[in-house]
Amino acid sequence: MEKTKLGISVGLLGAILYFTGMFNFIVLILLVGYVLIFETNEWLRKSALKAVMVVIVFSIVSTLIGISNNILSILNTPLSLIRIPFRLSWPFGIDSILLNILSIAEKLLLLLLGFKAFSQGSLSLGPIDNIIDKNV
């Protein structure tokens, strides 16, 4: 079993990266920085980037949903100025439901990737893997 410069196995550090992505983005970035600067294992380097990419992709999608709420709010302002009782909004609070589903999906994906990392395995994530392969 290959060890990192920290003295722990490569699989354990990979799992730590994914599990950290579920809770703290700043610590994840610091760990990824360490891996990219000091570690030479190719699987570990790709796993570090995959953990960051998963968190970033889910953050971008969540932000887009949040921006749509801001756009609806901007469109509602002129309607309230001319006293039209109509208000634009997501039906049935579907935006909140989508945000909750995204949050659960992100945590489950990172959890799955983390458990696969213990044995230095991974899940194929198509576009994310393609981006990582092109840039590593």
Protein backbone atom coordinates (compact mmCIF):
# COMPACT_ATOMS: atom_id res chain seq x y z
CA MET A 1 0.00 0.00 0.00
CA GLU A 2 1.49 3.29 -1.10
CA LYS A 3 1.96 5.95 1.56
CA THR A 4 1.81 9.71 1.27
CA LYS A 5 4.46 12.04 2.66
CA LEU A 6 2.19 12.46 5.69
CA GLY A 7 2.63 8.76 6.45
CA ILE A 8 -0.95 7.71 5.76
CA SER A 9 -2.13 5.64 2.83
CA VAL A 10 -2.98 7.28 -0.47
CA GLY A 11 -6.52 5.87 -0.31
CA LEU A 12 -7.11 7.32 3.16
CA LEU A 13 -5.99 10.79 2.08
CA GLY A 14 -8.23 10.54 -0.98
CA ALA A 15 -11.18 9.62 1.23
CA ILE A 16 -10.36 12.51 3.58
CA LEU A 17 -10.46 14.88 0.59
CA TYR A 18 -13.95 13.74 -0.45
CA PHE A 19 -15.31 13.71 3.10
CA THR A 20 -13.90 17.19 3.73
CA GLY A 21 -15.73 18.42 0.63
CA MET A 22 -19.03 17.62 2.36
CA PHE A 23 -18.35 19.98 5.24
CA ASN A 24 -15.69 22.63 4.68
CA PHE A 25 -14.62 24.07 1.33
CA ILE A 26 -11.69 26.07 2.76
CA VAL A 27 -10.09 23.00 4.35
CA LEU A 28 -10.70 21.08 1.11
CA ILE A 29 -8.84 23.76 -0.87
CA LEU A 30 -5.92 23.65 1.59
CA LEU A 31 -5.73 19.84 1.36
CA VAL A 32 -5.92 19.93 -2.43
CA GLY A 33 -3.16 22.53 -2.48
CA TYR A 34 -1.00 20.23 -0.35
CA VAL A 35 -1.69 17.26 -2.63
CA LEU A 36 -0.95 19.18 -5.81
CA ILE A 37 2.28 20.66 -4.45
CA PHE A 38 3.80 17.80 -2.47
CA GLU A 39 2.28 14.47 -3.53
CA THR A 40 3.30 12.60 -6.68
CA ASN A 41 0.67 9.85 -6.85
CA GLU A 42 -1.36 10.44 -10.03
CA TRP A 43 -4.56 8.87 -8.68
CA LEU A 44 -4.42 11.07 -5.57
CA ARG A 45 -3.86 14.23 -7.61
CA LYS A 46 -6.83 13.43 -9.87
CA SER A 47 -8.99 12.58 -6.85
CA ALA A 48 -8.13 15.90 -5.25
CA LEU A 49 -9.19 17.77 -8.37
CA LYS A 50 -12.32 15.64 -8.71
CA ALA A 51 -13.37 16.49 -5.14
CA VAL A 52 -13.00 20.22 -5.86
CA MET A 53 -14.77 19.96 -9.22
CA VAL A 54 -17.75 18.12 -7.72
CA VAL A 55 -18.16 20.79 -5.03
CA ILE A 56 -17.77 23.60 -7.59
CA VAL A 57 -20.27 22.11 -10.06
CA PHE A 58 -22.92 21.69 -7.36
CA SER A 59 -22.21 25.23 -6.10
CA ILE A 60 -22.64 26.67 -9.60
CA VAL A 61 -25.98 24.90 -10.10
CA SER A 62 -27.19 26.07 -6.66
CA THR A 63 -26.11 29.62 -7.46
CA LEU A 64 -28.01 29.57 -10.75
CA ILE A 65 -31.18 28.57 -8.93
CA GLY A 66 -30.59 31.37 -6.42
CA ILE A 67 -30.02 33.88 -9.22
CA SER A 68 -33.34 32.91 -10.77
CA ASN A 69 -35.02 33.98 -7.52
CA ASN A 70 -33.23 37.34 -7.72
CA ILE A 71 -34.34 37.80 -11.31
CA LEU A 72 -37.95 37.10 -10.35
CA SER A 73 -37.64 39.60 -7.52
CA ILE A 74 -36.32 42.25 -9.92
CA LEU A 75 -39.22 41.59 -12.27
CA ASN A 76 -41.71 41.87 -9.39
CA THR A 77 -40.49 45.34 -8.36
CA PRO A 78 -42.09 47.22 -11.28
CA LEU A 79 -45.29 45.24 -10.77
CA SER A 80 -45.51 46.37 -7.16
CA LEU A 81 -44.84 50.00 -8.13
CA ILE A 82 -47.87 50.09 -10.41
CA ARG A 83 -49.90 48.19 -7.79
CA ILE A 84 -50.51 45.03 -9.78
CA PRO A 85 -51.30 42.26 -7.29
CA PHE A 86 -49.64 39.64 -9.52
CA ARG A 87 -46.29 38.25 -8.36
CA LEU A 88 -43.83 36.07 -10.30
CA SER A 89 -42.40 33.14 -8.35
CA TRP A 90 -41.45 29.49 -8.58
CA PRO A 91 -44.59 27.36 -8.33
CA PHE A 92 -44.97 25.29 -5.14
CA GLY A 93 -41.59 26.49 -3.82
CA ILE A 94 -39.86 24.20 -6.28
CA ASP A 95 -36.66 26.23 -5.97
CA SER A 96 -36.28 25.20 -2.32
CA ILE A 97 -37.03 21.59 -3.22
CA LEU A 98 -34.39 21.67 -5.97
CA LEU A 99 -31.80 23.18 -3.63
CA ASN A 100 -32.46 20.49 -1.04
CA ILE A 101 -32.24 17.73 -3.66
CA LEU A 102 -28.95 19.19 -4.95
CA SER A 103 -27.52 19.33 -1.44
CA ILE A 104 -28.46 15.70 -0.75
CA ALA A 105 -27.11 14.57 -4.15
CA GLU A 106 -23.80 16.36 -3.55
CA LYS A 107 -23.35 14.83 -0.11
CA LEU A 108 -24.25 11.34 -1.36
CA LEU A 109 -21.88 11.61 -4.32
CA LEU A 110 -19.00 12.79 -2.13
CA LEU A 111 -19.78 10.05 0.38
CA LEU A 112 -19.74 7.39 -2.35
CA LEU A 113 -16.52 8.75 -3.83
CA GLY A 114 -14.98 8.84 -0.35
CA PHE A 115 -15.76 5.19 0.35
CA LYS A 116 -14.49 4.19 -3.09
CA ALA A 117 -11.29 6.12 -2.39
CA PHE A 118 -10.33 3.84 0.52
CA SER A 119 -9.45 1.20 -2.09
CA GLN A 120 -8.14 3.81 -4.54
CA GLY A 121 -11.21 3.39 -6.70
CA SER A 122 -13.38 6.03 -8.27
CA LEU A 123 -16.67 6.61 -10.01
CA SER A 124 -16.71 7.86 -13.57
CA LEU A 125 -18.24 11.32 -13.73
CA GLY A 126 -18.03 11.86 -17.50
CA PRO A 127 -17.55 15.59 -18.13
CA ILE A 128 -15.72 16.18 -14.84
CA ASP A 129 -13.28 13.36 -15.60
CA ASN A 130 -12.74 14.72 -19.11
CA ILE A 131 -11.89 18.18 -17.77
CA ILE A 132 -9.48 16.72 -15.21
CA ASP A 133 -7.78 14.47 -17.80
CA LYS A 134 -7.27 17.42 -20.17
CA ASN A 135 -5.71 19.59 -17.46
CA VAL A 136 -3.58 17.16 -15.45
